PDB file of N, CA and C in Angstrom:
ATOM      1  N   MET A   1     134.847 116.184 137.120  1.00  0.00           N
ATOM      2  CA  MET A   1     134.475 115.458 135.926  1.00  0.00           C
ATOM      3  C   MET A   1     134.245 113.993 136.284  1.00  0.00           C
ATOM      4  N   THR A   2     133.212 113.432 135.825  1.00  0.00           N
ATOM      5  CA  THR A   2     132.886 112.039 136.136  1.00  0.00           C
ATOM      6  C   THR A   2     133.039 111.178 134.899  1.00  0.00           C
ATOM      7  N   ARG A   3     133.224 109.920 135.155  1.00  0.00           N
ATOM      8  CA  ARG A   3     133.396 108.971 134.053  1.00  0.00           C
ATOM      9  C   ARG A   3     132.273 107.943 134.143  1.00  0.00           C
ATOM     10  N   GLN A   4     131.727 107.557 133.040  1.00  0.00           N
ATOM     11  CA  GLN A   4     130.630 106.612 133.046  1.00  0.00           C
ATOM     12  C   GLN A   4     131.089 105.253 132.533  1.00  0.00           C
ATOM     13  N   LEU A   5     130.643 104.231 133.222  1.00  0.00           N
ATOM     14  CA  LEU A   5     130.850 102.864 132.775  1.00  0.00           C
ATOM     15  C   LEU A   5     129.486 102.300 132.412  1.00  0.00           C
ATOM     16  N   ASN A   6     129.360 101.799 131.237  1.00  0.00           N
ATOM     17  CA  ASN A   6     128.078 101.238 130.810  1.00  0.00           C
ATOM     18  C   ASN A   6     128.065  99.754 131.103  1.00  0.00           C
ATOM     19  N   MET A   7     127.227  99.373 132.046  1.00  0.00           N
ATOM     20  CA  MET A   7     127.066  97.969 132.397  1.00  0.00           C
ATOM     21  C   MET A   7     125.577  97.659 132.367  1.00  0.00           C
ATOM     22  N   ASN A   8     125.253  96.729 131.528  1.00  0.00           N
ATOM     23  CA  ASN A   8     123.856  96.336 131.390  1.00  0.00           C
ATOM     24  C   ASN A   8     122.951  97.567 131.286  1.00  0.00           C
ATOM     25  N   PRO A   9     121.758  97.543 131.857  1.00  0.00           N
ATOM     26  CA  PRO A   9     120.889  98.724 131.695  1.00  0.00           C
ATOM     27  C   PRO A   9     121.275  99.884 132.615  1.00  0.00           C
ATOM     28  N   LYS A  10     121.998  99.605 133.705  1.00  0.00           N
ATOM     29  CA  LYS A  10     122.326 100.663 134.652  1.00  0.00           C
ATOM     30  C   LYS A  10     123.664 101.309 134.258  1.00  0.00           C
ATOM     31  N   SER A  11     123.803 102.566 134.554  1.00  0.00           N
ATOM     32  CA  SER A  11     125.086 103.232 134.317  1.00  0.00           C
ATOM     33  C   SER A  11     125.667 103.674 135.653  1.00  0.00           C
ATOM     34  N   ILE A  12     126.962 103.567 135.764  1.00  0.00           N
ATOM     35  CA  ILE A  12     127.650 103.923 136.997  1.00  0.00           C
ATOM     36  C   ILE A  12     128.496 105.147 136.717  1.00  0.00           C
ATOM     37  N   GLN A  13     128.427 106.116 137.601  1.00  0.00           N
ATOM     38  CA  GLN A  13     129.255 107.302 137.458  1.00  0.00           C
ATOM     39  C   GLN A  13     130.306 107.292 138.557  1.00  0.00           C
ATOM     40  N   LEU A  14     131.574 107.471 138.142  1.00  0.00           N
ATOM     41  CA  LEU A  14     132.685 107.466 139.096  1.00  0.00           C
ATOM     42  C   LEU A  14     133.318 108.846 139.135  1.00  0.00           C
ATOM     43  N   SER A  15     133.583 109.320 140.322  1.00  0.00           N
ATOM     44  CA  SER A  15     134.292 110.592 140.438  1.00  0.00           C
ATOM     45  C   SER A  15     135.800 110.307 140.444  1.00  0.00           C
ATOM     46  N   LYS A  16     136.599 111.337 140.187  1.00  0.00           N
ATOM     47  CA  LYS A  16     138.053 111.144 140.128  1.00  0.00           C
ATOM     48  C   LYS A  16     138.645 110.786 141.480  1.00  0.00           C
ATOM     49  N   THR A  17     137.937 111.021 142.535  1.00  0.00           N
ATOM     50  CA  THR A  17     138.449 110.720 143.871  1.00  0.00           C
ATOM     51  C   THR A  17     138.032 109.338 144.356  1.00  0.00           C
ATOM     52  N   SER A  18     137.189 108.657 143.622  1.00  0.00           N
ATOM     53  CA  SER A  18     136.738 107.337 144.079  1.00  0.00           C
ATOM     54  C   SER A  18     137.882 106.324 143.972  1.00  0.00           C
ATOM     55  N   PRO A  19     137.937 105.345 144.886  1.00  0.00           N
ATOM     56  CA  PRO A  19     139.032 104.368 144.886  1.00  0.00           C
ATOM     57  C   PRO A  19     139.095 103.529 143.606  1.00  0.00           C
ATOM     58  N   ILE A  20     137.948 103.182 143.049  1.00  0.00           N
ATOM     59  CA  ILE A  20     137.938 102.373 141.825  1.00  0.00           C
ATOM     60  C   ILE A  20     138.543 103.165 140.667  1.00  0.00           C
ATOM     61  N   TYR A  21     138.166 104.441 140.565  1.00  0.00           N
ATOM     62  CA  TYR A  21     138.683 105.277 139.479  1.00  0.00           C
ATOM     63  C   TYR A  21     140.199 105.441 139.610  1.00  0.00           C
ATOM     64  N   ARG A  22     140.689 105.636 140.855  1.00  0.00           N
ATOM     65  CA  ARG A  22     142.146 105.778 141.056  1.00  0.00           C
ATOM     66  C   ARG A  22     142.883 104.501 140.668  1.00  0.00           C
ATOM     67  N   GLU A  23     142.325 103.356 141.008  1.00  0.00           N
ATOM     68  CA  GLU A  23     142.963 102.078 140.647  1.00  0.00           C
ATOM     69  C   GLU A  23     142.954 101.862 139.134  1.00  0.00           C
ATOM     70  N   MET A  24     141.867 102.312 138.486  1.00  0.00           N
ATOM     71  CA  MET A  24     141.791 102.146 137.034  1.00  0.00           C
ATOM     72  C   MET A  24     142.823 103.006 136.313  1.00  0.00           C
ATOM     73  N   GLN A  25     143.273 104.095 136.915  1.00  0.00           N
ATOM     74  CA  GLN A  25     144.247 104.975 136.289  1.00  0.00           C
ATOM     75  C   GLN A  25     145.682 104.441 136.416  1.00  0.00           C
ATOM     76  N   LYS A  26     145.898 103.498 137.313  1.00  0.00           N
ATOM     77  CA  LYS A  26     147.230 102.900 137.483  1.00  0.00           C
ATOM     78  C   LYS A  26     147.516 101.952 136.322  1.00  0.00           C
ATOM     79  N   PRO A  27     148.793 101.631 136.092  1.00  0.00           N
ATOM     80  CA  PRO A  27     149.122 100.666 135.028  1.00  0.00           C
ATOM     81  C   PRO A  27     148.495  99.304 135.337  1.00  0.00           C
ATOM     82  N   GLN A  28     147.973  98.680 134.322  1.00  0.00           N
ATOM     83  CA  GLN A  28     147.309  97.388 134.493  1.00  0.00           C
ATOM     84  C   GLN A  28     148.245  96.261 134.067  1.00  0.00           C
ATOM     85  N   LEU A  29     148.170  95.162 134.771  1.00  0.00           N
ATOM     86  CA  LEU A  29     148.965  93.986 134.415  1.00  0.00           C
ATOM     87  C   LEU A  29     148.295  93.260 133.259  1.00  0.00           C
ATOM     88  N   MET A  30     149.113  92.716 132.378  1.00  0.00           N
ATOM     89  CA  MET A  30     148.566  92.007 131.236  1.00  0.00           C
ATOM     90  C   MET A  30     148.745  90.508 131.459  1.00  0.00           C
ATOM     91  N   LEU A  31     147.715  89.767 131.214  1.00  0.00           N
ATOM     92  CA  LEU A  31     147.769  88.326 131.344  1.00  0.00           C
ATOM     93  C   LEU A  31     148.381  87.731 130.086  1.00  0.00           C
ATOM     94  N   VAL A  32     149.467  86.976 130.265  1.00  0.00           N
ATOM     95  CA  VAL A  32     150.131  86.343 129.129  1.00  0.00           C
ATOM     96  C   VAL A  32     150.162  84.848 129.392  1.00  0.00           C
ATOM     97  N   ARG A  33     149.685  84.093 128.450  1.00  0.00           N
ATOM     98  CA  ARG A  33     149.700  82.648 128.586  1.00  0.00           C
ATOM     99  C   ARG A  33     151.018  82.094 128.085  1.00  0.00           C
ATOM    100  N   HIS A  34     151.593  81.176 128.859  1.00  0.00           N
ATOM    101  CA  HIS A  34     152.834  80.532 128.438  1.00  0.00           C
ATOM    102  C   HIS A  34     152.472  79.390 127.499  1.00  0.00           C
ATOM    103  N   LEU A  35     152.869  79.510 126.245  1.00  0.00           N
ATOM    104  CA  LEU A  35     152.489  78.515 125.248  1.00  0.00           C
ATOM    105  C   LEU A  35     153.530  77.410 125.083  1.00  0.00           C
ATOM    106  N   GLY A  36     154.525  77.390 125.947  1.00  0.00           N
ATOM    107  CA  GLY A  36     155.554  76.361 125.855  1.00  0.00           C
ATOM    108  C   GLY A  36     156.818  76.931 125.260  1.00  0.00           C
ATOM    109  N   TYR A  37     157.857  76.113 125.272  1.00  0.00           N
ATOM    110  CA  TYR A  37     159.151  76.541 124.762  1.00  0.00           C
ATOM    111  C   TYR A  37     159.182  76.449 123.242  1.00  0.00           C
ATOM    112  N   SER A  38     160.052  77.225 122.640  1.00  0.00           N
ATOM    113  CA  SER A  38     160.173  77.193 121.187  1.00  0.00           C
ATOM    114  C   SER A  38     160.818  75.874 120.760  1.00  0.00           C
ATOM    115  N   THR A  39     160.757  75.568 119.480  1.00  0.00           N
ATOM    116  CA  THR A  39     161.339  74.317 118.980  1.00  0.00           C
ATOM    117  C   THR A  39     162.843  74.306 119.174  1.00  0.00           C
ATOM    118  N   PHE A  40     163.486  75.480 119.142  1.00  0.00           N
ATOM    119  CA  PHE A  40     164.939  75.525 119.357  1.00  0.00           C
ATOM    120  C   PHE A  40     165.294  74.952 120.716  1.00  0.00           C
ATOM    121  N   PHE A  41     164.593  75.393 121.777  1.00  0.00           N
ATOM    122  CA  PHE A  41     164.920  74.915 123.116  1.00  0.00           C
ATOM    123  C   PHE A  41     164.505  73.459 123.306  1.00  0.00           C
ATOM    124  N   LYS A  42     163.434  73.034 122.653  1.00  0.00           N
ATOM    125  CA  LYS A  42     163.042  71.630 122.726  1.00  0.00           C
ATOM    126  C   LYS A  42     164.124  70.757 122.097  1.00  0.00           C
ATOM    127  N   ASN A  43     164.606  71.152 120.901  1.00  0.00           N
ATOM    128  CA  ASN A  43     165.645  70.372 120.219  1.00  0.00           C
ATOM    129  C   ASN A  43     166.956  70.416 120.980  1.00  0.00           C
ATOM    130  N   LYS A  44     167.273  71.556 121.571  1.00  0.00           N
ATOM    131  CA  LYS A  44     168.510  71.682 122.347  1.00  0.00           C
ATOM    132  C   LYS A  44     168.477  70.713 123.531  1.00  0.00           C
ATOM    133  N   LYS A  45     167.346  70.649 124.221  1.00  0.00           N
ATOM    134  CA  LYS A  45     167.199  69.744 125.357  1.00  0.00           C
ATOM    135  C   LYS A  45     167.284  68.288 124.896  1.00  0.00           C
ATOM    136  N   LEU A  46     166.631  67.975 123.786  1.00  0.00           N
ATOM    137  CA  LEU A  46     166.657  66.617 123.251  1.00  0.00           C
ATOM    138  C   LEU A  46     168.082  66.210 122.873  1.00  0.00           C
ATOM    139  N   ASN A  47     168.830  67.110 122.225  1.00  0.00           N
ATOM    140  CA  ASN A  47     170.223  66.818 121.861  1.00  0.00           C
ATOM    141  C   ASN A  47     171.072  66.580 123.097  1.00  0.00           C
ATOM    142  N   ALA A  48     170.868  67.376 124.130  1.00  0.00           N
ATOM    143  CA  ALA A  48     171.637  67.199 125.367  1.00  0.00           C
ATOM    144  C   ALA A  48     171.340  65.838 125.992  1.00  0.00           C
ATOM    145  N   GLU A  49     170.071  65.433 125.979  1.00  0.00           N
ATOM    146  CA  GLU A  49     169.709  64.129 126.536  1.00  0.00           C
ATOM    147  C   GLU A  49     170.337  62.993 125.733  1.00  0.00           C
ATOM    148  N   ILE A  50     170.317  63.093 124.420  1.00  0.00           N
ATOM    149  CA  ILE A  50     170.918  62.058 123.562  1.00  0.00           C
ATOM    150  C   ILE A  50     172.410  61.969 123.816  1.00  0.00           C
ATOM    151  N   GLN A  51     173.087  63.117 123.917  1.00  0.00           N
ATOM    152  CA  GLN A  51     174.526  63.115 124.176  1.00  0.00           C
ATOM    153  C   GLN A  51     174.843  62.513 125.539  1.00  0.00           C
ATOM    154  N   ASP A  52     174.023  62.842 126.555  1.00  0.00           N
ATOM    155  CA  ASP A  52     174.257  62.274 127.888  1.00  0.00           C
ATOM    156  C   ASP A  52     174.096  60.762 127.879  1.00  0.00           C
ATOM    157  N   GLU A  53     173.064  60.265 127.190  1.00  0.00           N
ATOM    158  CA  GLU A  53     172.867  58.818 127.096  1.00  0.00           C
ATOM    159  C   GLU A  53     174.058  58.157 126.407  1.00  0.00           C
ATOM    160  N   TRP A  54     174.542  58.772 125.323  1.00  0.00           N
ATOM    161  CA  TRP A  54     175.670  58.199 124.592  1.00  0.00           C
ATOM    162  C   TRP A  54     176.926  58.187 125.471  1.00  0.00           C
ATOM    163  N   ARG A  55     177.148  59.258 126.216  1.00  0.00           N
ATOM    164  CA  ARG A  55     178.328  59.312 127.098  1.00  0.00           C
ATOM    165  C   ARG A  55     178.254  58.246 128.180  1.00  0.00           C
ATOM    166  N   ARG A  56     177.050  58.023 128.724  1.00  0.00           N
ATOM    167  CA  ARG A  56     176.911  56.978 129.739  1.00  0.00           C
ATOM    168  C   ARG A  56     177.144  55.592 129.139  1.00  0.00           C
ATOM    169  N   ALA A  57     176.696  55.407 127.911  1.00  0.00           N
ATOM    170  CA  ALA A  57     176.840  54.092 127.272  1.00  0.00           C
ATOM    171  C   ALA A  57     178.261  53.857 126.756  1.00  0.00           C
ATOM    172  N   ASN A  58     179.007  54.917 126.435  1.00  0.00           N
ATOM    173  CA  ASN A  58     180.347  54.789 125.851  1.00  0.00           C
ATOM    174  C   ASN A  58     181.390  55.605 126.614  1.00  0.00           C
ATOM    175  N   PRO A  59     181.611  55.306 127.894  1.00  0.00           N
ATOM    176  CA  PRO A  59     182.573  56.115 128.648  1.00  0.00           C
ATOM    177  C   PRO A  59     184.007  55.942 128.147  1.00  0.00           C
ATOM    178  N   HIS A  60     184.288  54.797 127.518  1.00  0.00           N
ATOM    179  CA  HIS A  60     185.646  54.548 127.034  1.00  0.00           C
ATOM    180  C   HIS A  60     185.974  55.371 125.782  1.00  0.00           C
ATOM    181  N   LYS A  61     184.963  55.916 125.106  1.00  0.00           N
ATOM    182  CA  LYS A  61     185.205  56.673 123.882  1.00  0.00           C
ATOM    183  C   LYS A  61     185.341  58.178 124.121  1.00  0.00           C
ATOM    184  N   ILE A  62     185.165  58.610 125.359  1.00  0.00           N
ATOM    185  CA  ILE A  62     185.267  60.036 125.660  1.00  0.00           C
ATOM    186  C   ILE A  62     186.731  60.368 125.897  1.00  0.00           C
ATOM    187  N   ARG A  63     187.228  61.307 125.109  1.00  0.00           N
ATOM    188  CA  ARG A  63     188.626  61.704 125.266  1.00  0.00           C
ATOM    189  C   ARG A  63     188.708  62.929 126.157  1.00  0.00           C
ATOM    190  N   ARG A  64     189.572  62.825 127.150  1.00  0.00           N
ATOM    191  CA  ARG A  64     189.838  63.970 128.007  1.00  0.00           C
ATOM    192  C   ARG A  64     191.305  64.326 127.828  1.00  0.00           C
ATOM    193  N   PRO A  65     191.602  65.583 127.502  1.00  0.00           N
ATOM    194  CA  PRO A  65     192.999  65.943 127.278  1.00  0.00           C
ATOM    195  C   PRO A  65     193.824  65.793 128.551  1.00  0.00           C
ATOM    196  N   LYS A  66     195.007  65.240 128.387  1.00  0.00           N
ATOM    197  CA  LYS A  66     195.903  65.067 129.532  1.00  0.00           C
ATOM    198  C   LYS A  66     196.774  66.303 129.657  1.00  0.00           C
ATOM    199  N   ARG A  67     196.965  66.740 130.875  1.00  0.00           N
ATOM    200  CA  ARG A  67     197.789  67.917 131.111  1.00  0.00           C
ATOM    201  C   ARG A  67     199.254  67.536 130.989  1.00  0.00           C
ATOM    202  N   GLN A  68     199.984  68.297 130.208  1.00  0.00           N
ATOM    203  CA  GLN A  68     201.412  68.057 130.073  1.00  0.00           C
ATOM    204  C   GLN A  68     202.141  68.784 131.181  1.00  0.00           C
ATOM    205  N   GLU A  69     203.375  68.324 131.449  1.00  0.00           N
ATOM    206  CA  GLU A  69     204.094  68.923 132.564  1.00  0.00           C
ATOM    207  C   GLU A  69     204.332  70.404 132.349  1.00  0.00           C
ATOM    208  N   ASN A  70     205.045  70.847 131.483  1.00  0.00           N
ATOM    209  CA  ASN A  70     205.300  72.275 131.333  1.00  0.00           C
ATOM    210  C   ASN A  70     204.445  72.837 130.209  1.00  0.00           C
ATOM    211  N   GLN A  71     203.151  72.763 130.428  1.00  0.00           N
ATOM    212  CA  GLN A  71     202.229  73.169 129.384  1.00  0.00           C
ATOM    213  C   GLN A  71     202.161  74.692 129.300  1.00  0.00           C
ATOM    214  N   GLY A  72     202.332  75.208 128.110  1.00  0.00           N
ATOM    215  CA  GLY A  72     202.242  76.644 127.907  1.00  0.00           C
ATOM    216  C   GLY A  72     203.551  77.353 128.188  1.00  0.00           C
ATOM    217  N   LEU A  73     203.557  78.612 127.888  1.00  0.00           N
ATOM    218  CA  LEU A  73     204.744  79.435 128.062  1.00  0.00           C
ATOM    219  C   LEU A  73     204.593  80.241 129.340  1.00  0.00           C
ATOM    220  N   SER A  74     205.557  80.093 130.248  1.00  0.00           N
ATOM    221  CA  SER A  74     205.535  80.859 131.480  1.00  0.00           C
ATOM    222  C   SER A  74     205.956  82.292 131.185  1.00  0.00           C
ATOM    223  N   LEU A  75     205.316  83.234 131.796  1.00  0.00           N
ATOM    224  CA  LEU A  75     205.647  84.633 131.548  1.00  0.00           C
ATOM    225  C   LEU A  75     206.975  85.022 132.180  1.00  0.00           C
ATOM    226  N   GLU A  76     207.412  84.249 133.170  1.00  0.00           N
ATOM    227  CA  GLU A  76     208.676  84.554 133.836  1.00  0.00           C
ATOM    228  C   GLU A  76     209.861  83.964 133.081  1.00  0.00           C
ATOM    229  N   MET A  77     209.624  83.143 132.087  1.00  0.00           N
ATOM    230  CA  MET A  77     210.676  82.442 131.362  1.00  0.00           C
ATOM    231  C   MET A  77     211.181  83.320 130.208  1.00  0.00           C
ATOM    232  N   THR A  78     212.473  83.323 130.017  1.00  0.00           N
ATOM    233  CA  THR A  78     213.026  84.060 128.880  1.00  0.00           C
ATOM    234  C   THR A  78     212.884  83.222 127.627  1.00  0.00           C
ATOM    235  N   LYS A  79     213.100  83.855 126.494  1.00  0.00           N
ATOM    236  CA  LYS A  79     212.973  83.151 125.222  1.00  0.00           C
ATOM    237  C   LYS A  79     214.001  82.027 125.121  1.00  0.00           C
ATOM    238  N   ASP A  80     215.224  82.284 125.583  1.00  0.00           N
ATOM    239  CA  ASP A  80     216.277  81.258 125.537  1.00  0.00           C
ATOM    240  C   ASP A  80     215.913  80.050 126.386  1.00  0.00           C
ATOM    241  N   GLU A  81     215.372  80.305 127.575  1.00  0.00           N
ATOM    242  CA  GLU A  81     214.978  79.189 128.436  1.00  0.00           C
ATOM    243  C   GLU A  81     213.864  78.374 127.780  1.00  0.00           C
ATOM    244  N   TYR A  82     212.919  79.070 127.160  1.00  0.00           N
ATOM    245  CA  TYR A  82     211.826  78.379 126.489  1.00  0.00           C
ATOM    246  C   TYR A  82     212.340  77.513 125.343  1.00  0.00           C
ATOM    247  N   LEU A  83     213.245  78.065 124.522  1.00  0.00           N
ATOM    248  CA  LEU A  83     213.786  77.295 123.401  1.00  0.00           C
ATOM    249  C   LEU A  83     214.581  76.087 123.890  1.00  0.00           C
ATOM    250  N   ARG A  84     215.347  76.242 124.958  1.00  0.00           N
ATOM    251  CA  ARG A  84     216.105  75.121 125.528  1.00  0.00           C
ATOM    252  C   ARG A  84     215.141  74.038 126.007  1.00  0.00           C
ATOM    253  N   GLN A  85     214.070  74.468 126.661  1.00  0.00           N
ATOM    254  CA  GLN A  85     213.071  73.514 127.160  1.00  0.00           C
ATOM    255  C   GLN A  85     212.407  72.763 126.000  1.00  0.00           C
ATOM    256  N   GLU A  86     212.080  73.473 124.929  1.00  0.00           N
ATOM    257  CA  GLU A  86     211.481  72.834 123.761  1.00  0.00           C
ATOM    258  C   GLU A  86     212.427  71.830 123.119  1.00  0.00           C
ATOM    259  N   ARG A  87     213.713  72.183 123.043  1.00  0.00           N
ATOM    260  CA  ARG A  87     214.700  71.242 122.492  1.00  0.00           C
ATOM    261  C   ARG A  87     214.764  69.969 123.321  1.00  0.00           C
ATOM    262  N   GLU A  88     214.751  70.121 124.640  1.00  0.00           N
ATOM    263  CA  GLU A  88     214.793  68.941 125.524  1.00  0.00           C
ATOM    264  C   GLU A  88     213.550  68.072 125.321  1.00  0.00           C
ATOM    265  N   LYS A  89     212.388  68.697 125.183  1.00  0.00           N
ATOM    266  CA  LYS A  89     211.157  67.934 124.935  1.00  0.00           C
ATOM    267  C   LYS A  89     211.247  67.167 123.624  1.00  0.00           C
ATOM    268  N   ASN A  90     211.741  67.834 122.596  1.00  0.00           N
ATOM    269  CA  ASN A  90     211.871  67.180 121.291  1.00  0.00           C
ATOM    270  C   ASN A  90     212.844  66.014 121.346  1.00  0.00           C
ATOM    271  N   GLN A  91     213.936  66.164 122.083  1.00  0.00           N
ATOM    272  CA  GLN A  91     214.911  65.072 122.223  1.00  0.00           C
ATOM    273  C   GLN A  91     214.275  63.874 122.945  1.00  0.00           C
ATOM    274  N   LYS A  92     213.476  64.148 123.986  1.00  0.00           N
ATOM    275  CA  LYS A  92     212.803  63.074 124.706  1.00  0.00           C
ATOM    276  C   LYS A  92     211.836  62.342 123.788  1.00  0.00           C
ATOM    277  N   ASN A  93     211.105  63.115 122.992  1.00  0.00           N
ATOM    278  CA  ASN A  93     210.135  62.504 122.070  1.00  0.00           C
ATOM    279  C   ASN A  93     210.834  61.661 121.005  1.00  0.00           C
ATOM    280  N   GLN A  94     211.994  62.102 120.538  1.00  0.00           N
ATOM    281  CA  GLN A  94     212.732  61.344 119.527  1.00  0.00           C
ATOM    282  C   GLN A  94     213.291  60.053 120.120  1.00  0.00           C
ATOM    283  N   LYS A  95     213.701  60.078 121.394  1.00  0.00           N
ATOM    284  CA  LYS A  95     214.212  58.871 122.066  1.00  0.00           C
ATOM    285  C   LYS A  95     213.115  57.833 122.240  1.00  0.00           C
ATOM    286  N   LYS A  96     211.872  58.314 122.469  1.00  0.00           N
ATOM    287  CA  LYS A  96     210.748  57.386 122.632  1.00  0.00           C
ATOM    288  C   LYS A  96     210.443  56.659 121.334  1.00  0.00           C
ATOM    289  N   LYS A  97     210.638  57.303 120.211  1.00  0.00           N
ATOM    290  CA  LYS A  97     210.334  56.690 118.906  1.00  0.00           C
ATOM    291  C   LYS A  97     211.418  55.779 118.524  1.00  0.00           C
TER     292      LYS A  97
END
């Protein structure tokens, strides 16, 4: 069975064994034009730039949390040890005031 391609006044007949016909039967790539980023990503980038500029201009206003000495509950600690430790912390804080 042959396939016809109509080009201008001449017609071309391709057999199923011809290389062009075999290539035409393979999946074809689709050309997609990149139209740019969406407004969400544009605004996200703009916000990040504004925040970076502000941080550079105001380094003294950036708060970084300070790590406390016995921060969190150790899994190896019993409940009694934890409560004793909390009482000691509270006593230290009351002495400071």
